[in-house]
């Protein structure tokens, strides 16, 4: 059999031998290209599914607990009738999202979490129906409040924690996928080197029998493949013949372009994931602040302080209006100052014995410059809870702003307890190296990262503090108008 093949090749015409040579060269390269495209396509599809699953779960977990608890409370206090209540719609929407997540996830552990979430939603539906039945019977307000506090809030918390675990697991899976991508690229380099060596050996073997006009394009093609195997993805093949070598050259260029596109896509998806994580942190409103504010409004109303009640409700409305702001992430400085002013007005009612504040920012000059939404308020909150409240006696928070060359500088200064040198070094190092070392650094880290993601690494926050005297946090931003 082998002798017959050799004789057939020996007796074949030059054109037939050339066809055989091209065929021997194209088969391993075609297999290599198919292997690469298949793995790139399969990996990209899995990556997109995990991102879609995480985004859908994030949308569910952001608002469900706060909205459902509040809607149930409105129903109990009969601020809304059963027909006006949106609890049924919220449960239906939540179940729809969970069902969608079940279709996206391939993890058995996350499937179990979603099954638990479904059971929790069924429990919520049972508790909701029980409240509705009590409302129809009448005079069961205390029982409904007990269901709201001991059942509904616990179950919504469990749902939120379950979804957070789901997101965490999906994030770990994405990281694992990224590591598998890196390992695949390493294997691809070695595979390319081996394939290049084989093709080179085959080319050298055929070069003794095939005219130099054929071996020269193949040698150029081999040089390109070696550079790609070495990691140089900017190289391109410049062979423009009408035969199979030209087709192979175009396929190789297409493959390099696809590799570059996939690398750029992975990088873009990582940046989008980071932005999604920080937007998730940004959009979560502290429920304790809302509860405490509502409690303060209640006792002011009971004390007959109608003017203060109106003032606090107005401040709370302004606070949430800026927080939501039609989904905008970057807003003018004057709106951000109104947001933090509303926050301080609310907190001054609660801490009137210890809190004073001043906002000294020339809004006519600086108010038009853009700033990431909810940038100043977390720093003011840090100053209040970690500075002023930890100091005996009253304290003061001052917010200043100025334009320094082409940079917008905003300072939040407090005369609270301050930060020790050792802790200040830990905070600065944690923000720089992105290592969270305590709740007090959480807000600082979030603000700093959002500024850098939007404007660049040269911007962010800087902290100066003396223990026993106070702390100053400086925000550096570009002077960008809308």
Protein backbone atom coordinates (compact mmCIF):
# COMPACT_ATOMS: atom_id res chain seq x y z
CA UNK A 1 0.00 0.00 0.00
CA UNK A 2 2.77 2.43 1.00
CA UNK A 3 4.80 1.46 -2.06
CA UNK A 4 1.82 2.14 -4.30
CA UNK A 5 1.34 5.59 -2.72
CA UNK A 6 5.00 6.41 -3.17
CA UNK A 7 4.90 5.28 -6.80
CA UNK A 8 1.71 7.27 -7.38
CA UNK A 9 3.31 10.39 -5.91
CA UNK A 10 6.52 9.80 -7.87
CA UNK A 11 4.67 9.42 -11.16
CA UNK A 12 2.31 12.35 -10.51
CA UNK A 13 2.64 15.63 -12.34
CA UNK A 14 4.14 18.71 -10.72
CA UNK A 15 0.72 20.28 -10.33
CA UNK A 16 -0.52 17.18 -8.51
CA UNK A 17 2.52 17.16 -6.24
CA UNK A 18 1.92 20.83 -5.48
CA UNK A 19 -1.68 20.03 -4.60
CA UNK A 20 -0.49 17.23 -2.34
CA UNK A 21 2.01 19.61 -0.72
CA UNK A 22 -0.60 22.30 -0.11
CA UNK A 23 -2.96 19.69 1.27
CA UNK A 24 -0.34 18.42 3.72
CA UNK A 25 0.28 21.96 4.88
CA UNK A 26 -3.34 23.06 5.11
CA UNK A 27 -4.70 20.10 7.07
CA UNK A 28 -2.84 20.75 10.39
CA UNK A 29 -3.28 24.51 10.11
CA UNK A 30 -7.01 24.14 9.40
CA UNK A 31 -7.40 21.84 12.39
CA UNK A 32 -5.53 24.39 14.51
CA UNK A 33 -7.74 27.25 13.30
CA UNK A 34 -10.93 25.27 13.89
CA UNK A 35 -9.71 24.29 17.35
CA UNK A 36 -8.97 27.93 18.23
CA UNK A 37 -12.23 29.29 16.88
CA UNK A 38 -14.28 26.62 18.61
CA UNK A 39 -12.66 27.25 21.99
CA UNK A 40 -12.91 31.01 21.60
CA UNK A 41 -16.58 30.78 20.64
CA UNK A 42 -17.43 28.33 23.41
CA UNK A 43 -15.55 30.28 26.07
CA UNK A 44 -17.05 33.60 24.97
CA UNK A 45 -20.58 32.15 25.07
CA UNK A 46 -20.05 30.78 28.61
CA UNK A 47 -18.59 34.09 29.72
CA UNK A 48 -21.56 36.05 28.33
CA UNK A 49 -24.02 33.67 30.01
CA UNK A 50 -22.34 34.17 33.40
CA UNK A 51 -22.29 37.96 32.96
CA UNK A 52 -25.98 37.95 31.94
CA UNK A 53 -26.78 35.80 34.96
CA UNK A 54 -24.86 38.09 37.33
CA UNK A 55 -26.44 41.27 35.92
CA UNK A 56 -29.94 39.79 36.16
CA UNK A 57 -29.30 38.65 39.74
CA UNK A 58 -27.88 42.09 40.61
CA UNK A 59 -31.01 43.81 39.34
CA UNK A 60 -33.10 41.48 41.49
CA UNK A 61 -31.06 41.92 44.67
CA UNK A 62 -30.70 45.69 44.54
CA UNK A 63 -34.27 46.75 45.15
CA UNK A 64 -36.39 43.77 46.10
CA UNK A 65 -35.97 43.72 49.91
CA UNK A 66 -36.33 47.48 50.39
CA UNK A 67 -39.30 47.77 48.01
CA UNK A 68 -41.14 44.66 49.21
CA UNK A 69 -40.73 45.50 52.91
CA UNK A 70 -41.94 49.03 52.30
CA UNK A 71 -44.87 47.93 50.12
CA UNK A 72 -45.94 45.39 52.78
CA UNK A 73 -45.72 48.08 55.46
CA UNK A 74 -47.90 50.43 53.42
CA UNK A 75 -50.47 47.65 53.07
CA UNK A 76 -50.46 46.90 56.82
CA UNK A 77 -50.92 50.54 57.84
CA UNK A 78 -53.62 50.75 55.14
CA UNK A 79 -51.82 53.47 53.27
CA UNK A 80 -52.58 51.34 50.22
CA UNK A 81 -55.54 49.07 49.60
CA UNK A 82 -55.18 45.43 48.55
CA UNK A 83 -56.07 46.43 44.99
CA UNK A 84 -53.46 49.22 44.94
CA UNK A 85 -50.71 47.09 46.45
CA UNK A 86 -47.97 45.91 44.10
CA UNK A 87 -46.90 42.97 46.25
CA UNK A 88 -48.37 40.45 43.82
CA UNK A 89 -46.61 42.05 40.86
CA UNK A 90 -43.31 42.15 42.74
CA UNK A 91 -43.58 38.47 43.67
CA UNK A 92 -44.43 37.56 40.08
CA UNK A 93 -41.50 39.58 38.73
CA UNK A 94 -39.12 38.05 41.30
CA UNK A 95 -40.24 34.52 40.40
CA UNK A 96 -39.78 35.34 36.72
CA UNK A 97 -36.21 36.52 37.32
CA UNK A 98 -35.40 33.43 39.41
CA UNK A 99 -36.81 31.22 36.64
CA UNK A 100 -34.66 33.08 34.11
CA UNK A 101 -31.58 32.58 36.29
CA UNK A 102 -32.31 28.85 36.45
CA UNK A 103 -32.17 28.75 32.66
CA UNK A 104 -28.83 30.60 32.58
CA UNK A 105 -26.84 28.90 35.35
CA UNK A 106 -25.07 25.56 34.88
CA UNK A 107 -23.99 25.26 38.51
CA UNK A 108 -25.70 22.70 40.74
CA UNK A 109 -24.92 24.81 43.82
CA UNK A 110 -26.50 27.91 42.30
CA UNK A 111 -29.47 25.82 41.16
CA UNK A 112 -29.99 24.83 44.79
CA UNK A 113 -29.77 28.49 45.82
CA UNK A 114 -32.36 29.42 43.24
CA UNK A 115 -34.61 26.61 44.48
CA UNK A 116 -34.27 28.05 47.98
CA UNK A 117 -35.10 31.52 46.63
CA UNK A 118 -38.27 30.09 45.06
CA UNK A 119 -39.29 28.57 48.38
CA UNK A 120 -38.66 31.89 50.12
CA UNK A 121 -40.82 33.64 47.51
CA UNK A 122 -43.57 31.08 48.10
CA UNK A 123 -43.31 31.82 51.84
CA UNK A 124 -43.57 35.54 51.12
CA UNK A 125 -46.72 34.89 49.10
CA UNK A 126 -48.17 32.91 52.04
CA UNK A 127 -47.36 35.70 54.52
CA UNK A 128 -48.82 38.29 52.13
CA UNK A 129 -52.05 36.33 51.80
CA UNK A 130 -52.21 36.02 55.60
CA UNK A 131 -51.88 39.80 55.98
CA UNK A 132 -54.62 40.33 53.39
CA UNK A 133 -56.90 37.91 55.24
CA UNK A 134 -56.24 39.73 58.54
CA UNK A 135 -57.00 43.06 56.89
CA UNK A 136 -60.30 41.72 55.64
CA UNK A 137 -61.18 40.44 59.12
CA UNK A 138 -60.12 43.77 60.71
CA UNK A 139 -58.62 44.71 64.12
CA UNK A 140 -55.53 42.51 63.58
CA UNK A 141 -52.93 45.27 63.16
CA UNK A 142 -50.58 43.89 65.83
CA UNK A 143 -50.64 40.42 64.28
CA UNK A 144 -49.88 41.88 60.84
CA UNK A 145 -46.98 43.91 62.24
CA UNK A 146 -45.64 40.76 63.88
CA UNK A 147 -45.82 38.95 60.53
CA UNK A 148 -44.06 41.91 58.86
CA UNK A 149 -41.28 42.11 61.43
CA UNK A 150 -40.71 38.41 62.21
CA UNK A 151 -41.57 36.78 58.90
CA UNK A 152 -41.51 39.07 55.89
CA UNK A 153 -38.35 41.03 56.78
CA UNK A 154 -36.49 37.84 57.70
CA UNK A 155 -37.51 36.08 54.48
CA UNK A 156 -36.63 39.09 52.28
CA UNK A 157 -33.25 39.21 54.03
CA UNK A 158 -32.76 35.52 53.28
CA UNK A 159 -33.68 36.13 49.66
CA UNK A 160 -31.20 38.99 49.43
CA UNK A 161 -28.44 36.92 51.03
CA UNK A 162 -29.24 34.00 48.71
CA UNK A 163 -28.98 36.22 45.65
CA UNK A 164 -25.75 37.76 46.97
CA UNK A 165 -24.34 34.24 47.39
CA UNK A 166 -25.48 33.50 43.84
CA UNK A 167 -23.68 36.59 42.54
CA UNK A 168 -20.56 35.77 44.55
CA UNK A 169 -20.48 32.24 43.17
CA UNK A 170 -21.01 33.50 39.61
CA UNK A 171 -18.18 36.01 40.11
CA UNK A 172 -15.86 33.24 41.28
CA UNK A 173 -16.90 31.23 38.22
CA UNK A 174 -16.01 34.19 35.99
CA UNK A 175 -12.61 34.44 37.66
CA UNK A 176 -12.12 30.73 37.11
CA UNK A 177 -13.11 31.17 33.47
CA UNK A 178 -10.56 33.98 33.18
CA UNK A 179 -7.85 31.71 34.60
CA UNK A 180 -8.87 29.00 32.17
CA UNK A 181 -8.55 31.55 29.36
CA UNK A 182 -5.02 32.33 30.47
CA UNK A 183 -4.14 28.65 30.67
CA UNK A 184 -5.67 28.13 27.24
CA UNK A 185 -3.55 30.91 25.74
CA UNK A 186 -0.43 29.37 27.25
CA UNK A 187 -1.34 26.00 25.77
CA UNK A 188 -2.13 27.72 22.49
CA UNK A 189 1.38 29.19 22.36
CA UNK A 190 2.95 25.78 22.89
CA UNK A 191 0.58 24.21 20.40
CA UNK A 192 1.45 26.93 17.88
CA UNK A 193 5.16 26.33 18.39
CA UNK A 194 4.74 22.60 17.86
CA UNK A 195 2.53 23.20 14.81
CA UNK A 196 5.06 25.71 13.46
CA UNK A 197 7.90 23.25 13.90
CA UNK A 198 5.95 20.51 12.12
CA UNK A 199 5.00 22.82 9.28
CA UNK A 200 8.62 23.99 9.02
CA UNK A 201 9.90 20.43 8.86
CA UNK A 202 7.33 19.54 6.23
CA UNK A 203 8.23 22.65 4.25
CA UNK A 204 11.94 21.79 4.35
CA UNK A 205 11.17 18.27 3.21
CA UNK A 206 9.05 19.48 0.31
CA UNK A 207 11.49 22.24 -0.62
CA UNK A 208 13.82 19.63 -2.12
CA UNK A 209 11.16 18.59 -4.58
CA UNK A 210 9.02 21.73 -5.04
CA UNK A 211 10.25 24.88 -6.82
CA UNK A 212 11.54 27.74 -4.70
CA UNK A 213 8.53 29.83 -5.75
CA UNK A 214 6.44 27.64 -3.49
CA UNK A 215 8.82 27.34 -0.53
CA UNK A 216 9.44 31.08 -0.23
CA UNK A 217 5.81 32.05 0.56
CA UNK A 218 5.63 29.16 2.97
CA UNK A 219 8.76 30.36 4.77
CA UNK A 220 7.25 33.83 5.12
CA UNK A 221 4.07 32.30 6.46
CA UNK A 222 6.11 30.26 8.91
CA UNK A 223 7.86 33.40 10.17
CA UNK A 224 4.49 34.99 10.89
CA UNK A 225 3.26 31.95 12.79
CA UNK A 226 6.43 31.93 14.90
CA UNK A 227 5.92 35.56 15.87
CA UNK A 228 2.30 34.86 16.78
CA UNK A 229 3.42 31.88 18.86
CA UNK A 230 5.87 34.20 20.60
CA UNK A 231 3.08 36.58 21.57
CA UNK A 232 3.39 39.25 18.85
CA UNK A 233 -0.24 39.75 17.77
CA UNK A 234 0.48 42.94 15.80
CA UNK A 235 2.20 41.04 12.97
CA UNK A 236 0.32 40.34 9.73
CA UNK A 237 1.03 38.11 6.77
CA UNK A 238 1.66 39.99 3.51
CA UNK A 239 1.36 37.03 1.10
CA UNK A 240 -1.06 37.96 -1.69
CA UNK A 241 -1.10 35.01 -4.06
CA UNK A 242 -4.14 33.45 -5.68
CA UNK A 243 -3.38 29.90 -4.56
CA UNK A 244 -3.89 28.01 -1.33
CA UNK A 245 -1.01 29.81 0.37
CA UNK A 246 -2.79 33.10 -0.10
CA UNK A 247 -5.98 31.65 1.41
CA UNK A 248 -3.98 30.35 4.36
CA UNK A 249 -2.38 33.77 4.80
CA UNK A 250 -5.79 35.46 4.94
CA UNK A 251 -7.06 32.84 7.40
CA UNK A 252 -4.05 33.45 9.64
CA UNK A 253 -4.64 37.21 9.57
CA UNK A 254 -8.31 36.65 10.39
CA UNK A 255 -7.31 34.40 13.27
CA UNK A 256 -4.92 37.03 14.67
CA UNK A 257 -7.64 39.68 14.37
CA UNK A 258 -10.09 37.43 16.18
CA UNK A 259 -7.56 36.77 18.95
CA UNK A 260 -7.06 40.52 19.37
CA UNK A 261 -10.83 41.09 19.40
CA UNK A 262 -11.36 38.39 22.01
CA UNK A 263 -8.56 39.77 24.21
CA UNK A 264 -10.06 43.25 23.96
CA UNK A 265 -13.50 41.84 24.70
CA UNK A 266 -12.25 40.05 27.83
CA UNK A 267 -10.59 43.28 29.02
CA UNK A 268 -13.75 45.30 28.31
CA UNK A 269 -15.94 42.78 30.12
CA UNK A 270 -13.64 42.94 33.16
CA UNK A 271 -13.92 46.74 33.24
CA UNK A 272 -17.70 46.51 32.85
CA UNK A 273 -17.82 43.98 35.70
CA UNK A 274 -15.85 46.33 37.97
CA UNK A 275 -18.15 49.22 37.06
CA UNK A 276 -21.19 47.04 37.71
CA UNK A 277 -19.84 46.06 41.14
CA UNK A 278 -19.19 49.69 42.11
CA UNK A 279 -22.53 50.87 40.73
CA UNK A 280 -24.11 48.13 42.86
CA UNK A 281 -22.30 49.46 45.94
CA UNK A 282 -23.21 53.05 44.99
CA UNK A 283 -26.92 52.37 44.46
CA UNK A 284 -27.53 50.60 47.78
CA UNK A 285 -29.14 52.97 50.31
CA UNK A 286 -28.47 52.22 53.97
CA UNK A 287 -31.79 51.00 55.38
CA UNK A 288 -30.77 52.03 58.91
CA UNK A 289 -30.46 55.66 57.79
CA UNK A 290 -33.96 55.50 56.27
CA UNK A 291 -35.46 53.78 59.32
CA UNK A 292 -33.81 56.21 61.74
CA UNK A 293 -34.98 59.19 59.69
CA UNK A 294 -38.54 57.92 59.62
CA UNK A 295 -38.38 57.29 63.36
CA UNK A 296 -37.17 60.86 63.89
CA UNK A 297 -40.04 62.18 61.76
CA UNK A 298 -42.50 60.14 63.84
CA UNK A 299 -41.32 61.42 67.21
CA UNK A 300 -41.17 65.00 65.88
CA UNK A 301 -44.76 64.63 64.70
CA UNK A 302 -45.78 63.23 68.07
CA UNK A 303 -44.06 66.16 69.76
CA UNK A 304 -46.01 68.61 67.62
CA UNK A 305 -42.95 69.88 65.71
CA UNK A 306 -44.77 70.27 62.42
CA UNK A 307 -42.23 72.63 60.88
CA UNK A 308 -39.36 70.27 61.60
CA UNK A 309 -41.39 67.39 60.20
CA UNK A 310 -41.98 69.30 56.97
CA UNK A 311 -38.29 70.24 56.82
CA UNK A 312 -37.11 66.67 57.34
CA UNK A 313 -39.55 65.25 54.80
CA UNK A 314 -38.43 67.86 52.28
CA UNK A 315 -34.77 67.04 52.97
CA UNK A 316 -35.47 63.31 52.68
CA UNK A 317 -37.27 63.88 49.37
CA UNK A 318 -34.33 65.91 48.02
CA UNK A 319 -31.92 63.22 49.26
CA UNK A 320 -33.68 60.45 47.35
CA UNK A 321 -34.30 62.60 44.30
CA UNK A 322 -30.57 63.12 43.85
CA UNK A 323 -29.81 59.48 44.74
CA UNK A 324 -32.08 58.24 41.95
CA UNK A 325 -31.59 61.12 39.46
CA UNK A 326 -33.09 59.21 36.53
CA UNK A 327 -30.24 56.68 36.54
CA UNK A 328 -27.46 59.21 35.82
CA UNK A 329 -24.03 58.33 37.23
CA UNK A 330 -22.35 61.72 36.63
CA UNK A 331 -24.16 64.86 37.83
CA UNK A 332 -23.33 68.58 38.27
CA UNK A 333 -21.60 69.56 41.51
CA UNK A 334 -24.55 71.77 42.54
CA UNK A 335 -26.86 68.72 42.57
CA UNK A 336 -24.33 66.71 44.57
CA UNK A 337 -24.09 69.57 47.09
CA UNK A 338 -27.89 69.63 47.39
CA UNK A 339 -27.80 65.89 48.06
CA UNK A 340 -25.24 66.18 50.86
CA UNK A 341 -26.99 69.29 52.23
CA UNK A 342 -30.23 67.28 52.52
CA UNK A 343 -28.32 64.52 54.28
CA UNK A 344 -26.75 66.93 56.77
CA UNK A 345 -30.08 68.65 57.47
CA UNK A 346 -31.58 65.29 58.38
CA UNK A 347 -28.62 64.27 60.53
CA UNK A 348 -28.52 67.63 62.30
CA UNK A 349 -32.05 67.05 63.56
CA UNK A 350 -30.98 63.67 64.94
CA UNK A 351 -27.62 64.87 66.31
CA UNK A 352 -28.39 68.51 67.01
CA UNK A 353 -26.42 68.43 70.27
CA UNK A 354 -23.14 67.38 68.63
CA UNK A 355 -23.32 68.27 64.93
CA UNK A 356 -22.70 71.59 63.18
CA UNK A 357 -21.79 71.98 59.54
CA UNK A 358 -20.84 74.53 56.89
CA UNK A 359 -20.82 74.24 53.08
CA UNK A 360 -18.45 76.82 51.64
CA UNK A 361 -18.43 76.04 47.92
CA UNK A 362 -18.92 78.81 45.34
CA UNK A 363 -21.72 77.13 43.39
CA UNK A 364 -22.00 79.87 40.76
CA UNK A 365 -18.37 79.25 39.80
CA UNK A 366 -18.04 75.51 40.38
CA UNK A 367 -21.62 74.18 40.31
CA UNK A 368 -21.54 73.35 36.58
CA UNK A 369 -18.61 70.93 36.86
CA UNK A 370 -19.47 67.21 36.79
CA UNK A 371 -18.88 64.75 39.64
CA UNK A 372 -19.78 61.07 40.16
CA UNK A 373 -23.12 60.79 41.95
CA UNK A 374 -22.99 60.13 45.74
CA UNK A 375 -19.31 61.08 46.10
CA UNK A 376 -19.36 63.62 48.94
CA UNK A 377 -22.12 62.06 51.10
CA UNK A 378 -20.22 58.83 51.99
CA UNK A 379 -17.22 60.94 53.09
CA UNK A 380 -19.47 63.17 55.20
CA UNK A 381 -21.05 60.05 56.70
CA UNK A 382 -17.56 58.75 57.57
CA UNK A 383 -16.73 62.08 59.20
CA UNK A 384 -19.92 61.93 61.30
CA UNK A 385 -19.87 58.30 62.40
CA UNK A 386 -16.11 57.74 62.72
CA UNK A 387 -15.03 61.23 63.69
CA UNK A 388 -17.66 63.41 65.38
CA UNK A 389 -19.56 60.64 67.25
CA UNK A 390 -16.32 59.24 68.71
CA UNK A 391 -15.40 62.61 70.22
CA UNK A 392 -16.79 64.14 73.38
CA UNK A 393 -18.80 67.29 72.92
CA UNK A 394 -20.03 68.92 69.75
CA UNK A 395 -18.26 68.69 66.42
CA UNK A 396 -18.25 70.44 63.10
CA UNK A 397 -18.06 69.31 59.48
CA UNK A 398 -17.00 71.80 56.82
CA UNK A 399 -17.18 71.25 53.06
CA UNK A 400 -15.01 73.51 50.92
CA UNK A 401 -14.45 73.71 47.17
CA UNK A 402 -12.08 75.53 44.85
CA UNK A 403 -10.61 75.37 41.37
CA UNK A 404 -6.87 74.69 41.31
CA UNK A 405 -5.49 75.19 37.78
CA UNK A 406 -7.50 72.67 35.69
CA UNK A 407 -8.50 70.57 38.68
CA UNK A 408 -11.58 70.70 40.92
CA UNK A 409 -10.67 70.29 44.61
CA UNK A 410 -13.32 69.51 47.25
CA UNK A 411 -12.38 69.14 50.93
CA UNK A 412 -14.42 67.56 53.74
CA UNK A 413 -12.94 68.56 57.09
CA UNK A 414 -14.10 67.54 60.57
CA UNK A 415 -12.77 68.24 64.06
CA UNK A 416 -13.60 64.75 65.32
CA UNK A 417 -11.40 62.19 67.02
CA UNK A 418 -9.08 61.86 64.02
CA UNK A 419 -7.06 58.83 62.90
CA UNK A 420 -3.88 57.45 64.43
CA UNK A 421 -0.74 57.38 62.28
CA UNK A 422 -0.73 53.60 62.10
CA UNK A 423 -4.40 53.38 61.10
CA UNK A 424 -4.03 56.26 58.61
CA UNK A 425 -1.20 54.36 56.92
CA UNK A 426 -3.37 51.22 56.80
CA UNK A 427 -6.27 53.16 55.26
CA UNK A 428 -4.13 54.80 52.58
CA UNK A 429 -2.36 51.53 51.80
CA UNK A 430 -5.70 49.67 51.64
CA UNK A 431 -7.17 52.19 49.20
CA UNK A 432 -4.04 52.14 47.03
CA UNK A 433 -3.67 48.35 46.97
CA UNK A 434 -7.46 47.74 46.93
CA UNK A 435 -7.43 45.72 50.16
CA UNK A 436 -10.39 46.49 52.48
CA UNK A 437 -9.37 46.46 56.15
CA UNK A 438 -12.48 47.68 57.98
CA UNK A 439 -15.89 49.27 57.51
CA UNK A 440 -14.44 52.78 57.80
CA UNK A 441 -12.40 52.26 54.61
CA UNK A 442 -15.33 50.81 52.65
CA UNK A 443 -16.88 54.15 51.64
CA UNK A 444 -13.50 55.76 50.98
CA UNK A 445 -12.47 52.88 48.72
CA UNK A 446 -15.77 52.97 46.82
CA UNK A 447 -15.57 56.73 46.17
CA UNK A 448 -11.91 56.55 45.13
CA UNK A 449 -12.48 53.65 42.71
CA UNK A 450 -15.53 55.24 41.08
CA UNK A 451 -13.59 58.47 40.48
CA UNK A 452 -10.69 56.56 38.93
CA UNK A 453 -12.95 54.43 36.75
CA UNK A 454 -14.68 57.53 35.37
CA UNK A 455 -11.78 60.01 35.09
CA UNK A 456 -8.46 58.15 35.36
CA UNK A 457 -5.84 57.01 37.87
CA UNK A 458 -4.48 60.53 38.44
CA UNK A 459 -7.69 61.52 40.23
CA UNK A 460 -9.26 60.27 43.47
CA UNK A 461 -9.11 61.10 47.17
CA UNK A 462 -6.36 62.03 49.60
CA UNK A 463 -6.59 61.82 53.41
CA UNK A 464 -4.86 63.89 56.08
CA UNK A 465 -5.57 63.34 59.77
CA UNK A 466 -4.13 64.08 63.21
CA UNK A 467 -5.38 61.95 66.09
CA UNK A 468 -7.30 64.06 68.60
CA UNK A 469 -7.62 67.02 66.21
CA UNK A 470 -9.59 65.92 63.15
CA UNK A 471 -9.50 64.64 59.58
CA UNK A 472 -9.52 66.24 56.12
CA UNK A 473 -10.41 64.25 53.00
CA UNK A 474 -9.58 65.93 49.71
CA UNK A 475 -11.32 64.96 46.44
CA UNK A 476 -9.42 65.64 43.19
CA UNK A 477 -11.46 65.80 39.97
CA UNK A 478 -11.01 67.20 36.46
CA UNK A 479 -12.91 70.39 35.58
CA UNK A 480 -15.38 68.77 33.19
CA UNK A 481 -18.64 70.45 32.22
CA UNK A 482 -21.78 68.58 31.13
